[in-house]
Amino acid sequence: MAGGPAGGAAGEPAEAARLPEFVFVTVENRHSSDVVVTLVHNGQSSRLGLVPGSSSTTLQFPGRYIASAASLQLSARAIGGNGSYTTGQFVVQPGQGVTLSLESQLPRSSFSVF
């Protein structure tokens, strides 16, 4: 009797079976303007959402992006003003999330993967 491959459905790698449905991005916006947050993955840019000025929210992106992208980047752009922030490249493992802290001067912002 021949054995099948390890993992989920036929031909599906074991890693794909453990991917989360979504990865969550907690955004703390200390900037006075509303900010648009986008995710860059595999050379494509996907809008995650709008974060109102001086507020916090949680955005999300599909978990499949962490399997298909060697690295990710987040970008934040103020609406109606100048200023933007782009993270360095990062990797997210299943079970991890991202925090994006946007400062009143966007270039001074920071992020972390936890």
N, C-alpha and C. Protein backbone atom coordinates (compact mmCIF):
# COMPACT_ATOMS: atom_id res chain seq x y z
N MET A 1 0.84 -1.17 0.00
CA MET A 1 0.00 0.00 0.00
C MET A 1 0.89 1.24 0.00
N ALA A 2 0.69 2.11 -0.96
CA ALA A 2 1.53 3.32 -1.08
C ALA A 2 0.98 4.40 -0.18
N GLY A 3 1.89 5.14 0.45
CA GLY A 3 1.47 6.24 1.32
C GLY A 3 1.38 7.54 0.53
N GLY A 4 0.48 8.43 0.94
CA GLY A 4 0.34 9.74 0.29
C GLY A 4 1.28 10.75 0.91
N PRO A 5 1.34 11.94 0.35
CA PRO A 5 2.20 12.97 0.90
C PRO A 5 1.68 13.47 2.24
N ALA A 6 2.61 13.90 3.07
CA ALA A 6 2.21 14.47 4.36
C ALA A 6 1.51 15.80 4.12
N GLY A 7 0.59 16.15 4.99
CA GLY A 7 -0.09 17.45 4.87
C GLY A 7 -1.57 17.28 4.76
N GLY A 8 -2.21 18.23 4.11
CA GLY A 8 -3.66 18.27 4.01
C GLY A 8 -4.14 17.46 2.83
N ALA A 9 -4.93 18.07 1.98
CA ALA A 9 -5.49 17.41 0.80
C ALA A 9 -4.36 16.99 -0.13
N ALA A 10 -4.68 16.10 -1.05
CA ALA A 10 -3.68 15.59 -1.98
C ALA A 10 -2.92 16.73 -2.65
N GLY A 11 -1.63 16.68 -2.55
CA GLY A 11 -0.79 17.69 -3.18
C GLY A 11 -0.67 18.99 -2.41
N GLU A 12 -1.37 19.13 -1.29
CA GLU A 12 -1.32 20.37 -0.50
C GLU A 12 -0.22 20.25 0.54
N PRO A 13 0.74 21.17 0.55
CA PRO A 13 1.82 21.09 1.53
C PRO A 13 1.29 21.24 2.95
N ALA A 14 1.99 20.67 3.91
CA ALA A 14 1.59 20.73 5.31
C ALA A 14 1.52 22.17 5.79
N GLU A 15 2.43 23.04 5.31
CA GLU A 15 2.45 24.43 5.75
C GLU A 15 1.14 25.15 5.40
N ALA A 16 0.58 24.87 4.24
CA ALA A 16 -0.64 25.54 3.81
C ALA A 16 -1.81 25.21 4.74
N ALA A 17 -1.80 24.00 5.30
CA ALA A 17 -2.88 23.60 6.19
C ALA A 17 -2.85 24.39 7.49
N ARG A 18 -1.70 24.96 7.87
CA ARG A 18 -1.59 25.68 9.13
C ARG A 18 -1.71 27.20 8.98
N LEU A 19 -1.89 27.69 7.78
CA LEU A 19 -1.97 29.14 7.58
C LEU A 19 -3.24 29.70 8.21
N PRO A 20 -3.13 30.87 8.85
CA PRO A 20 -4.33 31.49 9.41
C PRO A 20 -5.20 32.04 8.29
N GLU A 21 -6.48 32.20 8.58
CA GLU A 21 -7.36 32.81 7.58
C GLU A 21 -6.95 34.26 7.33
N PHE A 22 -6.61 34.97 8.42
CA PHE A 22 -6.19 36.37 8.31
C PHE A 22 -4.98 36.63 9.21
N VAL A 23 -4.21 37.63 8.84
CA VAL A 23 -3.15 38.17 9.70
C VAL A 23 -3.63 39.57 10.09
N PHE A 24 -3.53 39.90 11.38
CA PHE A 24 -4.06 41.16 11.88
C PHE A 24 -2.96 42.20 12.04
N VAL A 25 -3.29 43.43 11.65
CA VAL A 25 -2.38 44.56 11.75
C VAL A 25 -3.05 45.59 12.65
N THR A 26 -2.51 45.80 13.83
CA THR A 26 -3.02 46.81 14.75
C THR A 26 -2.33 48.13 14.43
N VAL A 27 -3.13 49.15 14.14
CA VAL A 27 -2.58 50.45 13.74
C VAL A 27 -2.96 51.49 14.80
N GLU A 28 -1.96 52.15 15.32
CA GLU A 28 -2.13 53.25 16.28
C GLU A 28 -1.73 54.52 15.54
N ASN A 29 -2.70 55.36 15.20
CA ASN A 29 -2.44 56.56 14.40
C ASN A 29 -2.40 57.80 15.31
N ARG A 30 -1.20 58.29 15.56
CA ARG A 30 -1.03 59.51 16.35
C ARG A 30 -0.94 60.75 15.46
N HIS A 31 -1.06 60.54 14.16
CA HIS A 31 -1.02 61.63 13.18
C HIS A 31 -2.39 62.30 13.17
N SER A 32 -2.44 63.59 12.89
CA SER A 32 -3.72 64.31 12.90
C SER A 32 -4.58 63.99 11.68
N SER A 33 -3.96 63.56 10.60
CA SER A 33 -4.72 63.25 9.36
C SER A 33 -5.11 61.79 9.30
N ASP A 34 -6.16 61.53 8.52
CA ASP A 34 -6.50 60.15 8.19
C ASP A 34 -5.36 59.58 7.37
N VAL A 35 -5.12 58.27 7.53
CA VAL A 35 -3.99 57.63 6.86
C VAL A 35 -4.48 56.37 6.13
N VAL A 36 -4.04 56.18 4.90
CA VAL A 36 -4.33 54.97 4.14
C VAL A 36 -3.17 54.01 4.32
N VAL A 37 -3.49 52.76 4.71
CA VAL A 37 -2.47 51.75 4.93
C VAL A 37 -2.56 50.71 3.81
N THR A 38 -1.43 50.42 3.19
CA THR A 38 -1.36 49.41 2.13
C THR A 38 -0.32 48.37 2.48
N LEU A 39 -0.48 47.18 1.92
CA LEU A 39 0.45 46.08 2.09
C LEU A 39 1.08 45.77 0.75
N VAL A 40 2.40 45.66 0.72
CA VAL A 40 3.11 45.26 -0.50
C VAL A 40 3.52 43.81 -0.33
N HIS A 41 3.07 42.97 -1.26
CA HIS A 41 3.37 41.53 -1.23
C HIS A 41 3.56 41.07 -2.66
N ASN A 42 4.63 40.35 -2.91
CA ASN A 42 4.93 39.83 -4.25
C ASN A 42 4.88 40.92 -5.32
N GLY A 43 5.34 42.11 -4.99
CA GLY A 43 5.37 43.21 -5.95
C GLY A 43 4.03 43.87 -6.19
N GLN A 44 3.00 43.42 -5.48
CA GLN A 44 1.67 44.01 -5.63
C GLN A 44 1.31 44.80 -4.39
N SER A 45 0.52 45.82 -4.56
CA SER A 45 0.08 46.65 -3.44
C SER A 45 -1.41 46.43 -3.22
N SER A 46 -1.77 46.13 -1.98
CA SER A 46 -3.18 45.92 -1.61
C SER A 46 -3.56 46.89 -0.50
N ARG A 47 -4.61 47.65 -0.72
CA ARG A 47 -5.08 48.59 0.30
C ARG A 47 -5.72 47.80 1.45
N LEU A 48 -5.24 48.04 2.67
CA LEU A 48 -5.81 47.38 3.84
C LEU A 48 -6.93 48.19 4.44
N GLY A 49 -6.82 49.52 4.38
CA GLY A 49 -7.88 50.33 4.92
C GLY A 49 -7.43 51.73 5.29
N LEU A 50 -8.40 52.47 5.83
CA LEU A 50 -8.19 53.85 6.24
C LEU A 50 -8.26 53.92 7.76
N VAL A 51 -7.29 54.63 8.35
CA VAL A 51 -7.27 54.81 9.80
C VAL A 51 -7.48 56.29 10.08
N PRO A 52 -8.59 56.66 10.72
CA PRO A 52 -8.84 58.08 11.03
C PRO A 52 -7.72 58.67 11.90
N GLY A 53 -7.53 59.98 11.76
CA GLY A 53 -6.53 60.66 12.55
C GLY A 53 -6.76 60.48 14.04
N SER A 54 -5.67 60.37 14.78
CA SER A 54 -5.69 60.25 16.24
C SER A 54 -6.60 59.13 16.73
N SER A 55 -6.49 57.96 16.11
CA SER A 55 -7.29 56.81 16.54
C SER A 55 -6.51 55.52 16.31
N SER A 56 -7.07 54.43 16.78
CA SER A 56 -6.48 53.10 16.60
C SER A 56 -7.51 52.18 15.98
N THR A 57 -7.04 51.24 15.21
CA THR A 57 -7.93 50.25 14.62
C THR A 57 -7.12 49.00 14.29
N THR A 58 -7.83 47.93 13.97
CA THR A 58 -7.18 46.70 13.54
C THR A 58 -7.61 46.39 12.12
N LEU A 59 -6.62 46.21 11.25
CA LEU A 59 -6.85 45.85 9.86
C LEU A 59 -6.43 44.39 9.68
N GLN A 60 -6.71 43.84 8.52
CA GLN A 60 -6.33 42.44 8.29
C GLN A 60 -5.99 42.22 6.82
N PHE A 61 -5.21 41.15 6.59
CA PHE A 61 -4.96 40.72 5.21
C PHE A 61 -4.98 39.19 5.19
N PRO A 62 -5.25 38.61 4.02
CA PRO A 62 -5.38 37.15 3.93
C PRO A 62 -4.10 36.42 4.35
N GLY A 63 -4.26 35.37 5.12
CA GLY A 63 -3.13 34.59 5.59
C GLY A 63 -2.32 33.96 4.46
N ARG A 64 -2.95 33.74 3.32
CA ARG A 64 -2.21 33.13 2.19
C ARG A 64 -1.06 34.02 1.73
N TYR A 65 -1.12 35.32 2.02
CA TYR A 65 -0.03 36.22 1.62
C TYR A 65 1.27 35.87 2.31
N ILE A 66 1.22 35.31 3.53
CA ILE A 66 2.47 35.01 4.22
C ILE A 66 3.13 33.76 3.67
N ALA A 67 2.37 32.94 2.95
CA ALA A 67 2.96 31.75 2.34
C ALA A 67 3.55 32.07 0.98
N SER A 68 2.93 32.99 0.27
CA SER A 68 3.35 33.26 -1.11
C SER A 68 4.35 34.40 -1.23
N ALA A 69 4.56 35.17 -0.18
CA ALA A 69 5.48 36.31 -0.26
C ALA A 69 6.75 36.02 0.53
N ALA A 70 7.89 36.26 -0.11
CA ALA A 70 9.16 36.10 0.60
C ALA A 70 9.28 37.14 1.70
N SER A 71 8.75 38.32 1.44
CA SER A 71 8.74 39.37 2.46
C SER A 71 7.58 40.32 2.18
N LEU A 72 7.21 41.06 3.20
CA LEU A 72 6.10 42.00 3.13
C LEU A 72 6.59 43.38 3.52
N GLN A 73 5.82 44.40 3.16
CA GLN A 73 6.06 45.77 3.61
C GLN A 73 4.71 46.44 3.81
N LEU A 74 4.64 47.33 4.79
CA LEU A 74 3.46 48.16 4.99
C LEU A 74 3.81 49.58 4.63
N SER A 75 2.84 50.28 4.08
CA SER A 75 3.03 51.68 3.74
C SER A 75 1.84 52.47 4.27
N ALA A 76 2.12 53.65 4.82
CA ALA A 76 1.07 54.53 5.34
C ALA A 76 1.23 55.90 4.69
N ARG A 77 0.13 56.44 4.16
CA ARG A 77 0.17 57.74 3.48
C ARG A 77 -0.94 58.61 4.03
N ALA A 78 -0.57 59.82 4.45
CA ALA A 78 -1.55 60.76 4.98
C ALA A 78 -2.43 61.29 3.86
N ILE A 79 -3.73 61.40 4.13
CA ILE A 79 -4.67 61.97 3.16
C ILE A 79 -4.70 63.48 3.37
N GLY A 80 -4.65 64.21 2.28
CA GLY A 80 -4.76 65.66 2.35
C GLY A 80 -3.55 66.34 2.95
N GLY A 81 -2.45 65.68 2.96
CA GLY A 81 -1.23 66.28 3.50
C GLY A 81 -0.04 65.55 2.93
N ASN A 82 1.11 66.04 3.29
CA ASN A 82 2.28 65.32 2.83
C ASN A 82 2.75 64.44 3.98
N GLY A 83 3.48 63.47 3.64
CA GLY A 83 4.01 62.56 4.64
C GLY A 83 3.61 61.13 4.36
N SER A 84 4.58 60.27 4.52
CA SER A 84 4.33 58.84 4.36
C SER A 84 5.37 58.07 5.15
N TYR A 85 5.10 56.81 5.34
CA TYR A 85 6.02 55.91 6.04
C TYR A 85 5.92 54.55 5.40
N THR A 86 7.06 53.93 5.13
CA THR A 86 7.10 52.57 4.62
C THR A 86 8.02 51.76 5.52
N THR A 87 7.53 50.62 5.96
CA THR A 87 8.33 49.76 6.83
C THR A 87 9.47 49.13 6.03
N GLY A 88 10.41 48.56 6.74
CA GLY A 88 11.38 47.69 6.10
C GLY A 88 10.67 46.40 5.74
N GLN A 89 11.35 45.55 5.00
CA GLN A 89 10.76 44.26 4.65
C GLN A 89 10.71 43.38 5.89
N PHE A 90 9.63 42.59 6.00
CA PHE A 90 9.49 41.70 7.14
C PHE A 90 8.77 40.43 6.73
N VAL A 91 8.86 39.43 7.59
CA VAL A 91 8.21 38.14 7.38
C VAL A 91 7.29 37.89 8.57
N VAL A 92 6.13 37.32 8.31
CA VAL A 92 5.18 36.96 9.36
C VAL A 92 5.01 35.45 9.33
N GLN A 93 5.13 34.84 10.49
CA GLN A 93 4.91 33.39 10.63
C GLN A 93 3.47 33.16 11.09
N PRO A 94 2.92 31.97 10.83
CA PRO A 94 1.57 31.67 11.32
C PRO A 94 1.48 31.93 12.82
N GLY A 95 0.41 32.60 13.24
CA GLY A 95 0.20 32.92 14.65
C GLY A 95 0.72 34.29 15.05
N GLN A 96 1.48 34.95 14.18
CA GLN A 96 2.00 36.27 14.49
C GLN A 96 1.10 37.36 13.94
N GLY A 97 1.25 38.56 14.48
CA GLY A 97 0.54 39.73 14.00
C GLY A 97 1.53 40.88 13.87
N VAL A 98 1.02 42.03 13.44
CA VAL A 98 1.88 43.20 13.21
C VAL A 98 1.26 44.40 13.93
N THR A 99 2.13 45.22 14.52
CA THR A 99 1.70 46.49 15.10
C THR A 99 2.38 47.61 14.32
N LEU A 100 1.59 48.58 13.88
CA LEU A 100 2.09 49.74 13.14
C LEU A 100 1.78 50.97 13.97
N SER A 101 2.82 51.67 14.45
CA SER A 101 2.66 52.87 15.28
C SER A 101 3.01 54.08 14.43
N LEU A 102 1.98 54.85 14.07
CA LEU A 102 2.16 56.03 13.22
C LEU A 102 2.28 57.27 14.09
N GLU A 103 3.37 57.98 13.93
CA GLU A 103 3.65 59.17 14.75
C GLU A 103 3.13 60.43 14.07
N SER A 104 3.11 61.54 14.81
CA SER A 104 2.64 62.81 14.25
C SER A 104 3.50 63.25 13.07
N GLN A 105 4.76 62.87 13.08
CA GLN A 105 5.64 63.03 11.92
C GLN A 105 5.83 61.62 11.35
N LEU A 106 5.10 61.31 10.28
CA LEU A 106 5.05 59.93 9.78
C LEU A 106 6.41 59.27 9.58
N PRO A 107 7.45 59.97 9.08
CA PRO A 107 8.73 59.29 8.91
C PRO A 107 9.34 58.75 10.21
N ARG A 108 8.85 59.19 11.35
CA ARG A 108 9.36 58.73 12.65
C ARG A 108 8.57 57.53 13.18
N SER A 109 7.69 56.96 12.38
CA SER A 109 6.84 55.85 12.79
C SER A 109 7.66 54.57 12.93
N SER A 110 7.01 53.52 13.46
CA SER A 110 7.69 52.24 13.67
C SER A 110 6.68 51.10 13.53
N PHE A 111 7.23 49.89 13.48
CA PHE A 111 6.38 48.69 13.40
C PHE A 111 7.06 47.55 14.15
N SER A 112 6.28 46.54 14.47
CA SER A 112 6.84 45.33 15.07
C SER A 112 5.99 44.14 14.66
N VAL A 113 6.64 43.00 14.62
CA VAL A 113 5.97 41.73 14.35
C VAL A 113 6.03 40.94 15.66
N PHE A 114 4.91 40.43 16.09
CA PHE A 114 4.87 39.72 17.38
C PHE A 114 4.15 38.40 17.26
